[in-house]
Protein backbone atom coordinates (compact mmCIF):
# COMPACT_ATOMS: atom_id res chain seq x y z
CA MET A 1 100.61 93.09 55.39
CA ALA A 2 101.45 95.72 57.92
CA LEU A 3 102.24 95.04 61.47
CA THR A 4 100.14 96.90 63.86
CA ILE A 5 101.14 97.29 67.40
CA SER A 6 98.14 97.90 69.82
CA HIS A 7 98.68 99.71 73.16
CA ALA A 8 95.63 98.48 74.54
CA LYS A 9 95.01 98.92 78.27
CA ARG A 10 95.92 95.94 80.47
CA GLU A 11 93.17 94.23 82.22
CA ARG A 12 93.21 94.46 85.85
CA ILE A 13 92.58 91.90 88.35
CA ASN A 14 89.83 93.08 90.87
CA TYR A 15 88.34 91.52 94.00
CA ALA A 16 87.45 92.58 97.31
CA GLY A 17 90.44 92.52 99.37
CA ALA A 18 92.87 93.10 96.32
CA THR A 19 95.68 95.50 97.37
CA TYR A 20 97.63 97.71 94.59
CA HIS A 21 100.55 99.91 94.66
CA VAL A 22 99.64 102.68 92.27
CA THR A 23 101.80 105.42 90.78
CA THR A 24 100.38 108.33 88.44
CA ARG A 25 102.99 110.62 87.07
CA CYS A 26 102.39 114.05 85.74
CA ASN A 27 102.59 114.74 82.05
CA ASN A 28 106.03 115.13 80.52
CA LYS A 29 107.28 114.68 84.16
CA GLU A 30 106.35 118.21 84.81
CA MET A 31 106.67 119.44 88.52
CA LEU A 32 103.05 120.36 88.63
CA ILE A 33 102.07 119.85 92.39
CA ASN A 34 104.04 122.58 94.11
CA ASP A 35 102.30 124.67 96.93
CA ASP A 36 100.31 123.66 99.67
CA MET A 37 96.95 124.19 98.39
CA ASP A 38 97.99 121.38 95.61
CA PHE A 39 98.91 119.06 98.05
CA LYS A 40 95.87 119.65 100.33
CA LYS A 41 93.63 119.44 97.17
CA TYR A 42 94.92 116.23 96.20
CA LYS A 43 94.50 114.90 99.87
CA SER A 44 91.01 116.17 99.71
CA VAL A 45 90.25 114.39 96.34
CA LEU A 46 91.64 111.06 98.16
CA LYS A 47 89.43 111.53 101.10
CA LYS A 48 86.22 112.20 98.99
CA CYS A 49 87.05 109.23 96.67
CA LYS A 50 87.63 106.82 99.70
CA GLU A 51 84.14 107.94 100.98
CA ILE A 52 82.40 107.14 97.70
CA TYR A 53 84.33 104.27 96.55
CA ASP A 54 84.98 102.47 100.01
CA PHE A 55 88.57 101.79 99.78
CA LYS A 56 91.31 101.58 102.41
CA LEU A 57 94.43 103.75 101.71
CA HIS A 58 97.28 101.94 103.40
CA ASN A 59 99.97 104.30 102.37
CA TYR A 60 100.53 107.25 100.29
CA SER A 61 103.27 109.90 98.98
CA ILE A 62 102.47 112.88 96.89
CA LEU A 63 105.43 114.36 95.45
CA HIS A 64 105.92 117.38 92.70
CA ASN A 65 105.56 115.21 89.63
CA HIS A 66 104.04 111.81 90.63
CA THR A 67 101.97 110.08 93.42
CA HIS A 68 102.19 106.63 94.95
CA LEU A 69 99.20 105.07 96.61
CA LEU A 70 98.69 101.82 98.40
CA ILE A 71 94.98 100.85 97.93
CA ARG A 72 93.17 98.01 99.31
CA LEU A 73 89.66 97.30 97.29
CA GLU A 74 86.78 96.67 99.71
CA THR A 75 82.94 96.61 98.34
CA ILE A 76 83.71 98.33 95.13
CA PRO A 77 86.52 96.05 93.49
CA ASP A 78 87.48 98.29 90.62
CA ILE A 79 90.89 99.89 90.82
CA SER A 80 90.59 101.37 87.33
CA LYS A 81 87.27 102.95 88.38
CA ILE A 82 88.87 104.64 91.59
CA MET A 83 91.85 105.68 90.06
CA HIS A 84 89.95 107.28 87.08
CA SER A 85 87.99 109.16 89.70
CA ILE A 86 90.67 110.52 91.52
CA ASN A 87 92.98 111.23 88.63
CA ARG A 88 90.20 113.21 86.77
CA GLN A 89 88.86 115.26 89.73
CA TYR A 90 92.16 116.45 90.50
CA ALA A 91 93.38 117.26 87.06
CA ARG A 92 90.05 119.16 86.58
CA TRP A 93 90.68 121.15 89.48
CA TYR A 94 94.12 121.97 88.76
CA ASN A 95 93.57 122.89 85.18
CA GLU A 96 90.72 125.27 86.31
CA CYS A 97 92.78 126.59 89.39
CA TYR A 98 95.62 127.58 87.05
CA LEU A 99 93.83 128.37 83.97
CA ARG A 100 95.87 125.49 82.35
CA LYS A 101 94.58 123.34 79.38
CA GLY A 102 95.68 119.84 78.25
CA HIS A 103 96.74 116.58 80.04
CA PHE A 104 97.74 116.68 83.62
CA TRP A 105 98.62 113.19 83.83
CA GLU A 106 101.17 111.46 81.61
CA ASN A 107 99.24 108.21 81.03
CA ARG A 108 96.93 105.82 82.85
CA PHE A 109 98.03 104.72 86.28
CA TYR A 110 100.72 101.96 86.92
CA GLY A 111 99.25 99.25 89.38
CA GLU A 112 101.12 96.42 90.74
CA LEU A 113 98.97 93.76 92.70
CA ILE A 114 100.32 93.09 96.01
CA LYS A 115 100.41 89.34 96.88
CA ASP A 116 101.39 88.83 100.47
CA ASP A 117 102.29 90.88 103.41
CA TYR A 118 106.24 91.01 102.67
CA GLN A 119 105.45 92.58 99.45
CA LEU A 120 103.19 94.88 101.18
CA LEU A 121 105.80 96.04 103.85
CA ALA A 122 108.29 96.35 100.96
CA ALA A 123 105.76 98.60 98.94
CA MET A 124 105.20 100.86 102.09
CA LEU A 125 108.99 101.29 102.41
CA TYR A 126 109.31 101.97 98.86
CA ILE A 127 106.63 104.63 99.04
CA ASP A 128 108.17 106.08 102.32
CA LEU A 129 111.52 106.35 100.81
CA ASN A 130 110.29 108.03 97.66
CA SER A 131 110.53 111.35 98.99
CA VAL A 132 114.02 111.04 100.37
CA ARG A 133 115.53 109.58 96.95
CA ALA A 134 113.89 112.63 95.23
CA GLY A 135 115.74 114.79 97.69
CA LEU A 136 112.88 116.32 99.22
CA CYS A 137 113.71 115.50 102.72
CA THR A 138 116.53 113.50 104.69
CA HIS A 139 114.26 111.27 106.91
CA PRO A 140 110.76 109.82 105.29
CA ALA A 141 108.66 111.33 108.37
CA ASP A 142 109.83 114.90 107.45
CA TRP A 143 107.82 114.77 104.19
CA LYS A 144 104.38 116.04 105.22
CA HIS A 145 102.86 114.41 102.02
CA SER A 146 103.09 111.20 103.02
CA GLY A 147 101.98 108.31 105.27
CA ALA A 148 105.49 108.18 106.68
CA LYS A 149 104.73 110.41 109.30
CA TYR A 150 102.26 108.17 110.93
CA TYR A 151 104.01 104.91 110.18
CA LEU A 152 107.59 106.48 111.54
CA SER A 153 106.41 108.93 114.23
CA ILE A 154 103.06 109.43 116.45
CA GLN A 155 101.39 111.90 113.87
CA LYS A 156 97.96 111.15 113.17
CA ASP A 157 96.76 110.96 109.55
CA ASP A 158 93.09 110.71 108.83
CA LEU A 159 93.81 109.49 105.44
CA LEU A 160 95.49 106.35 106.38
CA ASP A 161 94.10 102.85 107.17
CA ALA A 162 96.98 100.75 108.66
CA PRO A 163 97.24 97.28 107.12
CA ASP A 164 97.19 94.34 109.26
CA ALA A 165 100.90 93.71 108.39
CA TYR A 166 101.79 96.91 110.09
CA ILE A 167 99.48 96.37 113.07
CA ASN A 168 100.97 93.15 113.89
CA LEU A 169 104.50 94.66 114.14
CA GLY A 170 103.74 95.28 117.57
CA VAL A 171 101.29 95.83 120.19
CA SER A 172 101.34 99.59 120.59
CA GLN A 173 101.94 102.28 117.89
CA GLU A 174 105.38 103.06 119.68
CA SER A 175 106.65 99.27 119.20
CA ARG A 176 105.22 99.07 115.72
CA ILE A 177 107.14 102.22 114.89
CA LYS A 178 110.14 100.89 116.17
CA SER A 179 109.91 97.71 114.21
CA TYR A 180 109.02 99.33 111.14
CA SER A 181 111.78 101.76 111.60
CA TYR A 182 114.24 98.74 111.68
CA ILE A 183 113.54 97.62 108.04
CA PHE A 184 114.72 100.80 106.67
CA PRO A 185 118.03 100.69 105.04
């Protein structure tokens, strides 16, 4: 008898209040998200999906070949439905805009359930440092396609919903920025 290995999708734990660190990579690790129009469109898709699916976006980083999102489920507790919508809308726009065919995203998204505030802050830190590790900037706040500019400077970002773990770092935005910057390596 032959052994069959199934690559069935993993069942996700969904409930109102669940927070996920989600990563999606471009097909074949291609550098497909390149110019300002590409980044702006991805942010526009995020904004539209936030309105439709009522989720909180605690952090994000959009790089040339992958994205990181920190999403808290609210009234529609279904991370798969949210990510399907984000990825489908962006891929459809990109392929139409650049007269491209085929898969845009490599696989389904990877999502890790965040269990507590320590893991949440660690995920925020990881997301914020991603652009530095990729060699795109020297300080996370310099990457304009991420939430780091809000969490590490005074720049406003309408996409973000700061989590309580960040709010509790200080009584003002300035004190929170100072406390948050202390946890960077």
